[in-house]
Amino acid sequence: MDSHELVTLAGRLAAAEISADEFLQAAAVEVNKAEVFSADPSTPDLDRAARCGFPEVIYGAGKSADTIVNIAEQLLSHHQRVLVTRVENSKAEEIRTQLPAARYNEVASTLRIDSSAPSKRVGRVAIITAGTSDLPVAEEARETLDWMGVGASMIHDVGVAGPHRLLERLAEFEDADAAVVVAGMEGALPSVVGGYVACPVFAVPTSVGYGANLGGLAALLAMLNSCASNVAVVNIDAGFKAGYLAGLVATRRHDK
């Protein structure tokens, strides 16, 4: 409670509009609110959109629902779209009781509030998966691009075990501004895609695979050693990072 609010409350008490008990109760509620807020260590970067083109994205893992709500409300109060990644279902339900406008994607584990998003999509990014087991990571990339206002097309289950499948879909991605290629196992697909397109390819190794996949490390190392010159690699399961980078490419390419 600031000094103005306290003076106003005291004035109501002096005018007999409220009782002494009501005054003390109202003051205590405001003090408790202030204590709860001050206990939250988060300090959102509210100027990031002006500097970098897009607002801060909230990493949901390890944060309480109340902390996420607090950060989201500060972003919304500055007319910024909200994207929260790595949010499990139970936490998302808790957040949505406080922020009913939030939309949750259970596959991607993302939560968004973007009523101010532009209706027209900018550019086009192809999101290509080796197998359907890679879908959660691909969906995280798609949600990120959608939040950025970038057009995205999904091409699923075209891994190198059946190479003809990729060529059959080539017309859908050969003119894209950028591609996000998501693959586990041996991680070969980004190199193959890179050989067919004239755009940046952001490779995402996933933790999908058997023992020697080592939780995605084998795919990561394979992608880092790609012989395709247009392939860049993000971290294991980092669909958000690849989607964001591809979105920057698309938006800058079409920026007038």
C-alpha atoms as a PDB file:
ATOM      1  CA  MET A   1       0.000   0.000   0.000  1.00  0.00           C
ATOM      2  CA  ASP A   2       1.431   3.401  -0.967  1.00  0.00           C
ATOM      3  CA  SER A   3       1.083   6.580   1.076  1.00  0.00           C
ATOM      4  CA  HIS A   4      -1.842   7.893  -1.010  1.00  0.00           C
ATOM      5  CA  GLU A   5      -3.876   4.717  -0.460  1.00  0.00           C
ATOM      6  CA  LEU A   6      -3.108   4.790   3.258  1.00  0.00           C
ATOM      7  CA  VAL A   7      -4.209   8.446   3.538  1.00  0.00           C
ATOM      8  CA  THR A   8      -7.410   7.659   1.641  1.00  0.00           C
ATOM      9  CA  LEU A   9      -8.150   4.731   3.943  1.00  0.00           C
ATOM     10  CA  ALA A  10      -7.447   6.857   7.016  1.00  0.00           C
ATOM     11  CA  GLY A  11      -9.768   9.532   5.670  1.00  0.00           C
ATOM     12  CA  ARG A  12     -12.567   7.011   5.342  1.00  0.00           C
ATOM     13  CA  LEU A  13     -11.950   5.981   8.933  1.00  0.00           C
ATOM     14  CA  ALA A  14     -12.037   9.621  10.105  1.00  0.00           C
ATOM     15  CA  ALA A  15     -15.280  10.170   8.206  1.00  0.00           C
ATOM     16  CA  ALA A  16     -16.789   7.118   9.903  1.00  0.00           C
ATOM     17  CA  GLU A  17     -17.273   5.416   6.558  1.00  0.00           C
ATOM     18  CA  ILE A  18     -15.461   2.363   7.868  1.00  0.00           C
ATOM     19  CA  SER A  19     -14.859   0.993  11.347  1.00  0.00           C
ATOM     20  CA  ALA A  20     -11.476   0.682  13.040  1.00  0.00           C
ATOM     21  CA  ASP A  21     -11.591  -3.071  12.499  1.00  0.00           C
ATOM     22  CA  GLU A  22     -12.318  -2.592   8.788  1.00  0.00           C
ATOM     23  CA  PHE A  23      -9.430  -0.129   8.538  1.00  0.00           C
ATOM     24  CA  LEU A  24      -7.017  -2.576  10.161  1.00  0.00           C
ATOM     25  CA  GLN A  25      -8.269  -5.477   8.052  1.00  0.00           C
ATOM     26  CA  ALA A  26      -7.908  -3.529   4.774  1.00  0.00           C
ATOM     27  CA  ALA A  27      -4.437  -2.341   5.721  1.00  0.00           C
ATOM     28  CA  ALA A  28      -3.379  -5.875   6.687  1.00  0.00           C
ATOM     29  CA  VAL A  29      -4.595  -7.297   3.341  1.00  0.00           C
ATOM     30  CA  GLU A  30      -2.557  -4.734   1.418  1.00  0.00           C
ATOM     31  CA  VAL A  31       0.511  -5.393   3.534  1.00  0.00           C
ATOM     32  CA  ASN A  32       0.178  -9.137   2.901  1.00  0.00           C
ATOM     33  CA  LYS A  33      -0.095  -8.498  -0.841  1.00  0.00           C
ATOM     34  CA  ALA A  34       3.068  -6.422  -0.748  1.00  0.00           C
ATOM     35  CA  GLU A  35       4.902  -9.129   1.178  1.00  0.00           C
ATOM     36  CA  VAL A  36       3.856 -11.792  -1.327  1.00  0.00           C
ATOM     37  CA  PHE A  37       5.006  -9.620  -4.238  1.00  0.00           C
ATOM     38  CA  SER A  38       8.316  -8.751  -2.623  1.00  0.00           C
ATOM     39  CA  ALA A  39       8.968 -12.439  -1.935  1.00  0.00           C
ATOM     40  CA  ASP A  40       8.901 -13.127  -5.675  1.00  0.00           C
ATOM     41  CA  PRO A  41      12.457 -12.595  -6.946  1.00  0.00           C
ATOM     42  CA  SER A  42      11.481 -12.313 -10.615  1.00  0.00           C
ATOM     43  CA  THR A  43      12.336  -9.106 -12.494  1.00  0.00           C
ATOM     44  CA  PRO A  44      10.878  -9.345 -16.023  1.00  0.00           C
ATOM     45  CA  ASP A  45      12.782  -7.616 -18.798  1.00  0.00           C
ATOM     46  CA  LEU A  46       9.982  -5.363 -19.976  1.00  0.00           C
ATOM     47  CA  ASP A  47      12.186  -3.528 -22.489  1.00  0.00           C
ATOM     48  CA  ARG A  48      13.263  -6.641 -24.373  1.00  0.00           C
ATOM     49  CA  ALA A  49      10.620  -6.255 -27.073  1.00  0.00           C
ATOM     50  CA  ALA A  50      11.924  -2.763 -27.879  1.00  0.00           C
ATOM     51  CA  ARG A  51      15.534  -3.979 -28.005  1.00  0.00           C
ATOM     52  CA  CYS A  52      15.159  -7.424 -29.564  1.00  0.00           C
ATOM     53  CA  GLY A  53      11.852  -7.350 -31.414  1.00  0.00           C
ATOM     54  CA  PHE A  54       9.967  -9.801 -29.179  1.00  0.00           C
ATOM     55  CA  PRO A  55       9.070  -9.876 -25.481  1.00  0.00           C
ATOM     56  CA  GLU A  56      10.725 -12.016 -22.835  1.00  0.00           C
ATOM     57  CA  VAL A  57       9.679 -15.673 -22.914  1.00  0.00           C
ATOM     58  CA  ILE A  58       8.965 -17.347 -19.569  1.00  0.00           C
ATOM     59  CA  TYR A  59      10.729 -20.639 -18.902  1.00  0.00           C
ATOM     60  CA  GLY A  60       8.149 -22.455 -16.787  1.00  0.00           C
ATOM     61  CA  ALA A  61      10.164 -25.350 -15.349  1.00  0.00           C
ATOM     62  CA  GLY A  62      11.187 -24.691 -11.757  1.00  0.00           C
ATOM     63  CA  LYS A  63       8.839 -21.720 -11.358  1.00  0.00           C
ATOM     64  CA  SER A  64       5.678 -21.823  -9.276  1.00  0.00           C
ATOM     65  CA  ALA A  65       2.324 -21.083 -10.870  1.00  0.00           C
ATOM     66  CA  ASP A  66       2.089 -17.851  -8.853  1.00  0.00           C
ATOM     67  CA  THR A  67       5.496 -16.680 -10.105  1.00  0.00           C
ATOM     68  CA  ILE A  68       4.517 -17.384 -13.709  1.00  0.00           C
ATOM     69  CA  VAL A  69       1.230 -15.528 -13.223  1.00  0.00           C
ATOM     70  CA  ASN A  70       3.065 -12.562 -11.702  1.00  0.00           C
ATOM     71  CA  ILE A  71       5.498 -12.320 -14.621  1.00  0.00           C
ATOM     72  CA  ALA A  72       2.713 -12.806 -17.182  1.00  0.00           C
ATOM     73  CA  GLU A  73       0.605 -10.062 -15.610  1.00  0.00           C
ATOM     74  CA  GLN A  74       3.514  -7.631 -15.779  1.00  0.00           C
ATOM     75  CA  LEU A  75       4.061  -8.450 -19.450  1.00  0.00           C
ATOM     76  CA  LEU A  76       0.352  -8.077 -20.192  1.00  0.00           C
ATOM     77  CA  SER A  77       0.219  -4.741 -18.364  1.00  0.00           C
ATOM     78  CA  HIS A  78       2.809  -3.520 -20.885  1.00  0.00           C
ATOM     79  CA  HIS A  79       0.751  -4.880 -23.798  1.00  0.00           C
ATOM     80  CA  GLN A  80       3.173  -7.711 -24.510  1.00  0.00           C
ATOM     81  CA  ARG A  81       2.251 -11.202 -25.681  1.00  0.00           C
ATOM     82  CA  VAL A  82       2.978 -14.049 -23.270  1.00  0.00           C
ATOM     83  CA  LEU A  83       4.676 -17.349 -24.061  1.00  0.00           C
ATOM     84  CA  VAL A  84       5.527 -19.829 -21.300  1.00  0.00           C
ATOM     85  CA  THR A  85       7.510 -22.968 -22.142  1.00  0.00           C
ATOM     86  CA  ARG A  86       7.957 -26.250 -20.251  1.00  0.00           C
ATOM     87  CA  VAL A  87       4.718 -26.114 -18.275  1.00  0.00           C
ATOM     88  CA  GLU A  88       3.319 -29.403 -17.012  1.00  0.00           C
ATOM     89  CA  ASN A  89      -0.428 -29.994 -17.163  1.00  0.00           C
ATOM     90  CA  SER A  90      -1.193 -29.572 -13.455  1.00  0.00           C
ATOM     91  CA  LYS A  91       0.666 -26.255 -13.268  1.00  0.00           C
ATOM     92  CA  ALA A  92      -1.054 -25.032 -16.444  1.00  0.00           C
ATOM     93  CA  GLU A  93      -4.465 -25.703 -14.898  1.00  0.00           C
ATOM     94  CA  GLU A  94      -3.488 -23.699 -11.825  1.00  0.00           C
ATOM     95  CA  ILE A  95      -2.287 -20.811 -13.983  1.00  0.00           C
ATOM     96  CA  ARG A  96      -5.461 -20.809 -16.057  1.00  0.00           C
ATOM     97  CA  THR A  97      -7.630 -20.376 -12.963  1.00  0.00           C
ATOM     98  CA  GLN A  98      -5.894 -17.008 -12.524  1.00  0.00           C
ATOM     99  CA  LEU A  99      -5.411 -16.187 -16.205  1.00  0.00           C
ATOM    100  CA  PRO A 100      -8.483 -17.563 -18.025  1.00  0.00           C
ATOM    101  CA  ALA A 101      -7.312 -16.171 -21.374  1.00  0.00           C
ATOM    102  CA  ALA A 102      -4.300 -18.486 -21.370  1.00  0.00           C
ATOM    103  CA  ARG A 103      -4.246 -21.249 -23.978  1.00  0.00           C
ATOM    104  CA  TYR A 104      -2.373 -24.455 -23.166  1.00  0.00           C
ATOM    105  CA  ASN A 105      -0.837 -26.855 -25.678  1.00  0.00           C
ATOM    106  CA  GLU A 106      -0.452 -30.154 -23.856  1.00  0.00           C
ATOM    107  CA  VAL A 107       1.784 -31.718 -26.521  1.00  0.00           C
ATOM    108  CA  ALA A 108       4.223 -28.782 -26.592  1.00  0.00           C
ATOM    109  CA  SER A 109       3.886 -28.036 -22.845  1.00  0.00           C
ATOM    110  CA  THR A 110       3.475 -24.354 -23.727  1.00  0.00           C
ATOM    111  CA  LEU A 111       1.045 -21.748 -22.504  1.00  0.00           C
ATOM    112  CA  ARG A 112       0.198 -18.566 -24.404  1.00  0.00           C
ATOM    113  CA  ILE A 113      -1.738 -15.345 -23.983  1.00  0.00           C
ATOM    114  CA  ASP A 114      -1.551 -13.421 -27.232  1.00  0.00           C
ATOM    115  CA  SER A 115      -4.847 -11.700 -27.901  1.00  0.00           C
ATOM    116  CA  SER A 116      -2.845  -8.775 -29.336  1.00  0.00           C
ATOM    117  CA  ALA A 117      -1.055 -10.984 -31.877  1.00  0.00           C
ATOM    118  CA  PRO A 118      -1.195  -9.821 -35.504  1.00  0.00           C
ATOM    119  CA  SER A 119      -3.788 -11.645 -37.590  1.00  0.00           C
ATOM    120  CA  LYS A 120      -1.534 -11.761 -40.663  1.00  0.00           C
ATOM    121  CA  ARG A 121       1.430 -14.143 -40.552  1.00  0.00           C
ATOM    122  CA  VAL A 122       4.862 -13.030 -41.744  1.00  0.00           C
ATOM    123  CA  GLY A 123       7.062 -15.321 -43.812  1.00  0.00           C
ATOM    124  CA  ARG A 124       7.081 -19.113 -43.708  1.00  0.00           C
ATOM    125  CA  VAL A 125       9.095 -21.628 -41.742  1.00  0.00           C
ATOM    126  CA  ALA A 126       8.968 -25.377 -42.394  1.00  0.00           C
ATOM    127  CA  ILE A 127       9.088 -27.617 -39.339  1.00  0.00           C
ATOM    128  CA  ILE A 128      10.215 -31.103 -40.349  1.00  0.00           C
ATOM    129  CA  THR A 129      10.325 -34.146 -38.076  1.00  0.00           C
ATOM    130  CA  ALA A 130      12.101 -37.443 -38.535  1.00  0.00           C
ATOM    131  CA  GLY A 131       9.423 -39.351 -36.622  1.00  0.00           C
ATOM    132  CA  THR A 132       6.206 -38.808 -34.718  1.00  0.00           C
ATOM    133  CA  SER A 133       8.089 -39.327 -31.438  1.00  0.00           C
ATOM    134  CA  ASP A 134       9.715 -35.963 -32.132  1.00  0.00           C
ATOM    135  CA  LEU A 135       6.343 -34.198 -32.203  1.00  0.00           C
ATOM    136  CA  PRO A 136       6.494 -32.545 -28.726  1.00  0.00           C
ATOM    137  CA  VAL A 137       9.712 -30.728 -29.635  1.00  0.00           C
ATOM    138  CA  ALA A 138       8.335 -29.761 -33.047  1.00  0.00           C
ATOM    139  CA  GLU A 139       5.144 -28.460 -31.444  1.00  0.00           C
ATOM    140  CA  GLU A 140       7.192 -26.277 -29.100  1.00  0.00           C
ATOM    141  CA  ALA A 141       8.838 -24.759 -32.186  1.00  0.00           C
ATOM    142  CA  ARG A 142       5.481 -24.271 -33.903  1.00  0.00           C
ATOM    143  CA  GLU A 143       3.948 -22.592 -30.844  1.00  0.00           C
ATOM    144  CA  THR A 144       6.939 -20.252 -30.689  1.00  0.00           C
ATOM    145  CA  LEU A 145       6.581 -19.281 -34.332  1.00  0.00           C
ATOM    146  CA  ASP A 146       2.842 -18.761 -33.939  1.00  0.00           C
ATOM    147  CA  TRP A 147       3.481 -16.499 -30.934  1.00  0.00           C
ATOM    148  CA  MET A 148       5.981 -14.539 -33.061  1.00  0.00           C
ATOM    149  CA  GLY A 149       3.401 -14.085 -35.814  1.00  0.00           C
ATOM    150  CA  VAL A 150       5.346 -16.210 -38.309  1.00  0.00           C
ATOM    151  CA  GLY A 151       3.698 -18.694 -40.654  1.00  0.00           C
ATOM    152  CA  ALA A 152       4.662 -22.314 -40.066  1.00  0.00           C
ATOM    153  CA  SER A 153       3.997 -25.542 -41.935  1.00  0.00           C
ATOM    154  CA  MET A 154       4.468 -28.998 -40.404  1.00  0.00           C
ATOM    155  CA  ILE A 155       5.972 -31.948 -42.267  1.00  0.00           C
ATOM    156  CA  HIS A 156       6.026 -35.055 -40.090  1.00  0.00           C
ATOM    157  CA  ASP A 157       7.597 -38.504 -40.171  1.00  0.00           C
ATOM    158  CA  VAL A 158      10.015 -38.150 -43.084  1.00  0.00           C
ATOM    159  CA  GLY A 159      13.149 -39.629 -41.505  1.00  0.00           C
ATOM    160  CA  VAL A 160      16.056 -41.131 -43.402  1.00  0.00           C
ATOM    161  CA  ALA A 161      14.870 -44.705 -42.875  1.00  0.00           C
ATOM    162  CA  GLY A 162      12.435 -43.977 -45.726  1.00  0.00           C
ATOM    163  CA  PRO A 163      14.185 -41.279 -47.781  1.00  0.00           C
ATOM    164  CA  HIS A 164      11.548 -41.219 -50.504  1.00  0.00           C
ATOM    165  CA  ARG A 165       9.113 -39.631 -48.052  1.00  0.00           C
ATOM    166  CA  LEU A 166      11.142 -36.419 -47.820  1.00  0.00           C
ATOM    167  CA  LEU A 167      11.397 -35.981 -51.590  1.00  0.00           C
ATOM    168  CA  GLU A 168       7.647 -36.459 -51.905  1.00  0.00           C
ATOM    169  CA  ARG A 169       7.170 -33.401 -49.641  1.00  0.00           C
ATOM    170  CA  LEU A 170       9.973 -31.250 -51.090  1.00  0.00           C
ATOM    171  CA  ALA A 171       7.608 -28.773 -52.748  1.00  0.00           C
ATOM    172  CA  GLU A 172       6.210 -27.916 -49.304  1.00  0.00           C
ATOM    173  CA  PHE A 173       9.480 -26.587 -47.898  1.00  0.00           C
ATOM    174  CA  GLU A 174      11.986 -25.830 -50.677  1.00  0.00           C
ATOM    175  CA  ASP A 175      10.999 -22.125 -50.760  1.00  0.00           C
ATOM    176  CA  ALA A 176      10.733 -21.617 -46.991  1.00  0.00           C
ATOM    177  CA  ASP A 177      12.527 -18.703 -45.301  1.00  0.00           C
ATOM    178  CA  ALA A 178      14.038 -21.161 -42.823  1.00  0.00           C
ATOM    179  CA  ALA A 179      13.586 -24.758 -41.734  1.00  0.00           C
ATOM    180  CA  VAL A 180      13.505 -26.363 -38.299  1.00  0.00           C
ATOM    181  CA  VAL A 181      14.463 -30.041 -38.526  1.00  0.00           C
ATOM    182  CA  VAL A 182      13.764 -32.187 -35.466  1.00  0.00           C
ATOM    183  CA  ALA A 183      15.348 -35.642 -35.206  1.00  0.00           C
ATOM    184  CA  GLY A 184      16.540 -38.148 -32.652  1.00  0.00           C
ATOM    185  CA  MET A 185      18.235 -41.527 -33.171  1.00  0.00           C
ATOM    186  CA  GLU A 186      21.335 -40.864 -35.346  1.00  0.00           C
ATOM    187  CA  GLY A 187      20.243 -37.299 -36.192  1.00  0.00           C
ATOM    188  CA  ALA A 188      20.885 -37.519 -39.945  1.00  0.00           C
ATOM    189  CA  LEU A 189      17.814 -35.728 -41.282  1.00  0.00           C
ATOM    190  CA  PRO A 190      19.039 -32.079 -41.027  1.00  0.00           C
ATOM    191  CA  SER A 191      21.991 -32.787 -43.323  1.00  0.00           C
ATOM    192  CA  VAL A 192      19.685 -34.312 -45.922  1.00  0.00           C
ATOM    193  CA  VAL A 193      17.264 -31.378 -45.741  1.00  0.00           C
ATOM    194  CA  GLY A 194      20.184 -28.948 -45.941  1.00  0.00           C
ATOM    195  CA  GLY A 195      21.179 -30.436 -49.256  1.00  0.00           C
ATOM    196  CA  TYR A 196      17.833 -29.509 -50.814  1.00  0.00           C
ATOM    197  CA  VAL A 197      17.180 -25.940 -49.640  1.00  0.00           C
ATOM    198  CA  ALA A 198      18.755 -22.487 -49.961  1.00  0.00           C
ATOM    199  CA  CYS A 199      17.759 -21.328 -46.480  1.00  0.00           C
ATOM    200  CA  PRO A 200      19.124 -21.731 -42.939  1.00  0.00           C
ATOM    201  CA  VAL A 201      18.326 -25.101 -41.367  1.00  0.00           C
ATOM    202  CA  PHE A 202      18.077 -25.133 -37.584  1.00  0.00           C
ATOM    203  CA  ALA A 203      18.663 -28.683 -36.404  1.00  0.00           C
ATOM    204  CA  VAL A 204      17.155 -29.875 -33.137  1.00  0.00           C
ATOM    205  CA  PRO A 205      18.521 -33.135 -31.698  1.00  0.00           C
ATOM    206  CA  THR A 206      15.965 -34.908 -29.538  1.00  0.00           C
ATOM    207  CA  SER A 207      16.348 -37.370 -26.695  1.00  0.00           C
ATOM    208  CA  VAL A 208      14.400 -39.940 -28.735  1.00  0.00           C
ATOM    209  CA  GLY A 209      16.376 -43.143 -29.272  1.00  0.00           C
ATOM    210  CA  TYR A 210      17.773 -46.318 -27.749  1.00  0.00           C
ATOM    211  CA  GLY A 211      20.647 -46.624 -25.281  1.00  0.00           C
ATOM    212  CA  ALA A 212      23.538 -45.446 -27.442  1.00  0.00           C
ATOM    213  CA  ASN A 213      21.517 -42.352 -28.311  1.00  0.00           C
ATOM    214  CA  LEU A 214      22.646 -41.197 -24.837  1.00  0.00           C
ATOM    215  CA  GLY A 215      19.638 -38.966 -24.243  1.00  0.00           C
ATOM    216  CA  GLY A 216      20.153 -37.077 -27.500  1.00  0.00           C
ATOM    217  CA  LEU A 217      23.924 -36.649 -27.259  1.00  0.00           C
ATOM    218  CA  ALA A 218      24.556 -38.924 -30.266  1.00  0.00           C
ATOM    219  CA  ALA A 219      22.145 -36.918 -32.411  1.00  0.00           C
ATOM    220  CA  LEU A 220      23.663 -33.642 -31.167  1.00  0.00           C
ATOM    221  CA  LEU A 221      27.206 -34.689 -32.114  1.00  0.00           C
ATOM    222  CA  ALA A 222      26.063 -35.972 -35.509  1.00  0.00           C
ATOM    223  CA  MET A 223      24.323 -32.688 -36.284  1.00  0.00           C
ATOM    224  CA  LEU A 224      27.327 -30.635 -35.148  1.00  0.00           C
ATOM    225  CA  ASN A 225      29.398 -32.606 -37.655  1.00  0.00           C
ATOM    226  CA  SER A 226      26.983 -32.043 -40.532  1.00  0.00           C
ATOM    227  CA  CYS A 227      28.623 -31.553 -43.902  1.00  0.00           C
ATOM    228  CA  ALA A 228      25.705 -29.356 -45.043  1.00  0.00           C
ATOM    229  CA  SER A 229      26.937 -25.755 -44.829  1.00  0.00           C
ATOM    230  CA  ASN A 230      23.528 -24.256 -44.025  1.00  0.00           C
ATOM    231  CA  VAL A 231      22.870 -26.368 -40.904  1.00  0.00           C
ATOM    232  CA  ALA A 232      23.138 -24.778 -37.465  1.00  0.00           C
ATOM    233  CA  VAL A 233      22.438 -26.779 -34.298  1.00  0.00           C
ATOM    234  CA  VAL A 234      20.613 -25.916 -31.069  1.00  0.00           C
ATOM    235  CA  ASN A 235      20.529 -27.812 -27.792  1.00  0.00           C
ATOM    236  CA  ILE A 236      18.856 -31.172 -27.195  1.00  0.00           C
ATOM    237  CA  ASP A 237      15.029 -30.935 -27.262  1.00  0.00           C
ATOM    238  CA  ALA A 238      15.287 -27.137 -27.695  1.00  0.00           C
ATOM    239  CA  GLY A 239      12.282 -26.636 -29.940  1.00  0.00           C
ATOM    240  CA  PHE A 240      11.749 -23.119 -28.616  1.00  0.00           C
ATOM    241  CA  LYS A 241      15.263 -21.991 -29.471  1.00  0.00           C
ATOM    242  CA  ALA A 242      15.115 -23.341 -33.024  1.00  0.00           C
ATOM    243  CA  GLY A 243      11.657 -21.883 -33.583  1.00  0.00           C
ATOM    244  CA  TYR A 244      12.762 -18.495 -32.273  1.00  0.00           C
ATOM    245  CA  LEU A 245      15.865 -18.378 -34.471  1.00  0.00           C
ATOM    246  CA  ALA A 246      13.902 -19.421 -37.551  1.00  0.00           C
ATOM    247  CA  GLY A 247      11.275 -16.809 -36.689  1.00  0.00           C
ATOM    248  CA  LEU A 248      13.922 -14.089 -36.533  1.00  0.00           C
ATOM    249  CA  VAL A 249      15.168 -15.101 -39.980  1.00  0.00           C
ATOM    250  CA  ALA A 250      11.651 -14.980 -41.418  1.00  0.00           C
ATOM    251  CA  THR A 251      10.676 -11.670 -39.827  1.00  0.00           C
ATOM    252  CA  ARG A 252      13.905  -9.925 -40.798  1.00  0.00           C
ATOM    253  CA  ARG A 253      13.666 -11.221 -44.353  1.00  0.00           C
ATOM    254  CA  HIS A 254      10.178  -9.746 -44.756  1.00  0.00           C
ATOM    255  CA  ASP A 255      10.779  -6.575 -42.717  1.00  0.00           C
ATOM    256  CA  LYS A 256      10.013  -3.543 -44.831  1.00  0.00           C
END
